C-alpha atoms as a PDB file:
ATOM      1  CA  MET A   1      -5.082  -0.069  10.679  1.00  0.00           C
ATOM      2  CA  SER A   2      -3.663  -1.674  13.808  1.00  0.00           C
ATOM      3  CA  LYS A   3      -1.483   1.374  14.407  1.00  0.00           C
ATOM      4  CA  LEU A   4      -4.422   3.807  14.264  1.00  0.00           C
ATOM      5  CA  GLU A   5      -6.687   4.743  17.128  1.00  0.00           C
ATOM      6  CA  TYR A   6     -10.231   3.485  16.772  1.00  0.00           C
ATOM      7  CA  ALA A   7     -11.537   6.989  16.008  1.00  0.00           C
ATOM      8  CA  GLU A   8      -9.098   7.266  13.076  1.00  0.00           C
ATOM      9  CA  HIS A   9     -10.032   3.987  11.326  1.00  0.00           C
ATOM     10  CA  GLY A  10     -12.392   5.715   8.881  1.00  0.00           C
ATOM     11  CA  ARG A  11      -9.781   8.263   7.845  1.00  0.00           C
ATOM     12  CA  GLY A  12      -7.112   5.572   7.506  1.00  0.00           C
ATOM     13  CA  THR A  13      -9.387   3.442   5.350  1.00  0.00           C
ATOM     14  CA  GLY A  14     -10.258   6.443   3.194  1.00  0.00           C
ATOM     15  CA  LEU A  15      -6.616   7.387   2.667  1.00  0.00           C
ATOM     16  CA  TRP A  16      -5.681   3.800   1.805  1.00  0.00           C
ATOM     17  CA  THR A  17      -8.571   3.581  -0.679  1.00  0.00           C
ATOM     18  CA  ALA A  18      -7.642   6.919  -2.250  1.00  0.00           C
ATOM     19  CA  ALA A  19      -4.006   5.862  -2.661  1.00  0.00           C
ATOM     20  CA  PHE A  20      -5.075   2.533  -4.162  1.00  0.00           C
ATOM     21  CA  LEU A  21      -7.410   4.172  -6.682  1.00  0.00           C
ATOM     22  CA  PHE A  22      -4.762   6.800  -7.496  1.00  0.00           C
ATOM     23  CA  GLY A  23      -2.424   3.948  -8.410  1.00  0.00           C
ATOM     24  CA  LEU A  24      -5.108   2.190 -10.456  1.00  0.00           C
ATOM     25  CA  PHE A  25      -5.702   5.358 -12.455  1.00  0.00           C
ATOM     26  CA  PHE A  26      -2.108   6.415 -13.083  1.00  0.00           C
ATOM     27  CA  CYS A  27      -0.418   3.030 -13.580  1.00  0.00           C
ATOM     28  CA  PRO A  28      -1.664   2.513 -17.169  1.00  0.00           C
ATOM     29  CA  LEU A  29      -0.780   6.102 -18.067  1.00  0.00           C
ATOM     30  CA  VAL A  30       2.746   5.678 -16.709  1.00  0.00           C
ATOM     31  CA  LEU A  31       3.142   2.347 -18.499  1.00  0.00           C
ATOM     32  CA  ILE A  32       2.011   3.820 -21.821  1.00  0.00           C
ATOM     33  CA  ALA A  33       4.404   6.743 -21.440  1.00  0.00           C
ATOM     34  CA  VAL A  34       7.350   4.518 -20.509  1.00  0.00           C
ATOM     35  CA  ALA A  35       6.509   1.975 -23.234  1.00  0.00           C
ATOM     36  CA  SER A  36       6.637   4.714 -25.850  1.00  0.00           C
ATOM     37  CA  VAL A  37      10.156   5.613 -24.687  1.00  0.00           C
ATOM     38  CA  VAL A  38      11.555   2.069 -24.395  1.00  0.00           C
ATOM     39  CA  ALA A  39       9.536   0.714 -27.345  1.00  0.00           C
ATOM     40  CA  SER A  40       8.227  -2.327 -25.472  1.00  0.00           C
ATOM     41  CA  LEU A  41       5.404  -2.784 -22.981  1.00  0.00           C
ATOM     42  CA  ALA A  42       7.192  -5.771 -21.424  1.00  0.00           C
ATOM     43  CA  VAL A  43      10.266  -3.657 -20.666  1.00  0.00           C
ATOM     44  CA  ALA A  44       8.029  -0.894 -19.294  1.00  0.00           C
ATOM     45  CA  VAL A  45       6.328  -3.350 -16.916  1.00  0.00           C
ATOM     46  CA  GLY A  46       9.740  -4.646 -15.815  1.00  0.00           C
ATOM     47  CA  LEU A  47      10.980  -1.123 -15.134  1.00  0.00           C
ATOM     48  CA  LEU A  48       7.831  -0.326 -13.153  1.00  0.00           C
ATOM     49  CA  GLY A  49       8.369  -3.489 -11.098  1.00  0.00           C
ATOM     50  CA  LEU A  50      11.977  -2.557 -10.443  1.00  0.00           C
ATOM     51  CA  ALA A  51      10.979   0.974  -9.424  1.00  0.00           C
ATOM     52  CA  THR A  52       8.345  -0.477  -7.083  1.00  0.00           C
ATOM     53  CA  VAL A  53      10.924  -2.690  -5.355  1.00  0.00           C
ATOM     54  CA  VAL A  54      13.343   0.222  -4.978  1.00  0.00           C
ATOM     55  CA  VAL A  55      10.663   2.470  -3.465  1.00  0.00           C
ATOM     56  CA  ALA A  56       9.110  -0.210  -1.236  1.00  0.00           C
ATOM     57  CA  ALA A  57      12.334  -1.767   0.089  1.00  0.00           C
ATOM     58  CA  PRO A  58      13.015   0.851   2.788  1.00  0.00           C
ATOM     59  CA  VAL A  59       9.407   0.697   3.972  1.00  0.00           C
ATOM     60  CA  ALA A  60       8.964  -3.086   3.966  1.00  0.00           C
ATOM     61  CA  ARG A  61      11.263  -3.984   6.809  1.00  0.00           C
ATOM     62  CA  PRO A  62      10.320  -6.866   9.088  1.00  0.00           C
ATOM     63  CA  SER A  63       8.540  -5.954  12.286  1.00  0.00           C
ATOM     64  CA  ARG A  64       9.897  -6.915  15.668  1.00  0.00           C
ATOM     65  CA  ASP A  65       6.692  -8.656  16.700  1.00  0.00           C
ATOM     66  CA  GLY A  66       6.737 -11.180  13.854  1.00  0.00           C
ATOM     67  CA  GLY A  67       4.116  -9.402  11.743  1.00  0.00           C
ATOM     68  CA  ARG A  68       1.354  -9.528  14.328  1.00  0.00           C
ATOM     69  CA  GLY A  69       0.682  -5.776  14.197  1.00  0.00           C
ATOM     70  CA  GLY A  70       1.963  -4.641  17.570  1.00  0.00           C
ATOM     71  CA  GLU A  71       0.167  -4.867  20.858  1.00  0.00           C
ATOM     72  CA  ALA A  72      -3.296  -5.127  19.338  1.00  0.00           C
ATOM     73  CA  THR A  73      -5.830  -7.207  21.218  1.00  0.00           C
ATOM     74  CA  ALA A  74      -8.831  -8.985  19.819  1.00  0.00           C
ATOM     75  CA  VAL A  75     -11.980  -6.883  19.786  1.00  0.00           C
ATOM     76  CA  THR A  76     -15.083  -8.770  20.813  1.00  0.00           C
ATOM     77  CA  TRP A  77     -18.623  -7.587  21.333  1.00  0.00           C
ATOM     78  CA  SER A  78     -18.040  -7.478  25.083  1.00  0.00           C
ATOM     79  CA  THR A  79     -14.953  -5.215  24.782  1.00  0.00           C
ATOM     80  CA  TRP A  80     -16.066  -2.983  21.910  1.00  0.00           C
ATOM     81  CA  SER A  81     -17.425   0.467  22.644  1.00  0.00           C
ATOM     82  CA  PRO A  82     -17.947   3.335  20.212  1.00  0.00           C
END
């Protein structure tokens, strides 16, 4: 959210929520399908975890600002305007 303009916060929140709910819906289906192939739910969960690390590793690189979200400033009632 800190990288979005103020006018885009609603769209960013909506996209994040949609992606989250997409994952909540499809994760059990993927686990059931993989568990039927590998014959163990524990192995299926491990494979899903490994796949998650492989996919997320290129994206989850440390930021140069120490994780503070860039040049964002605190929004107070005196500085906020719609």
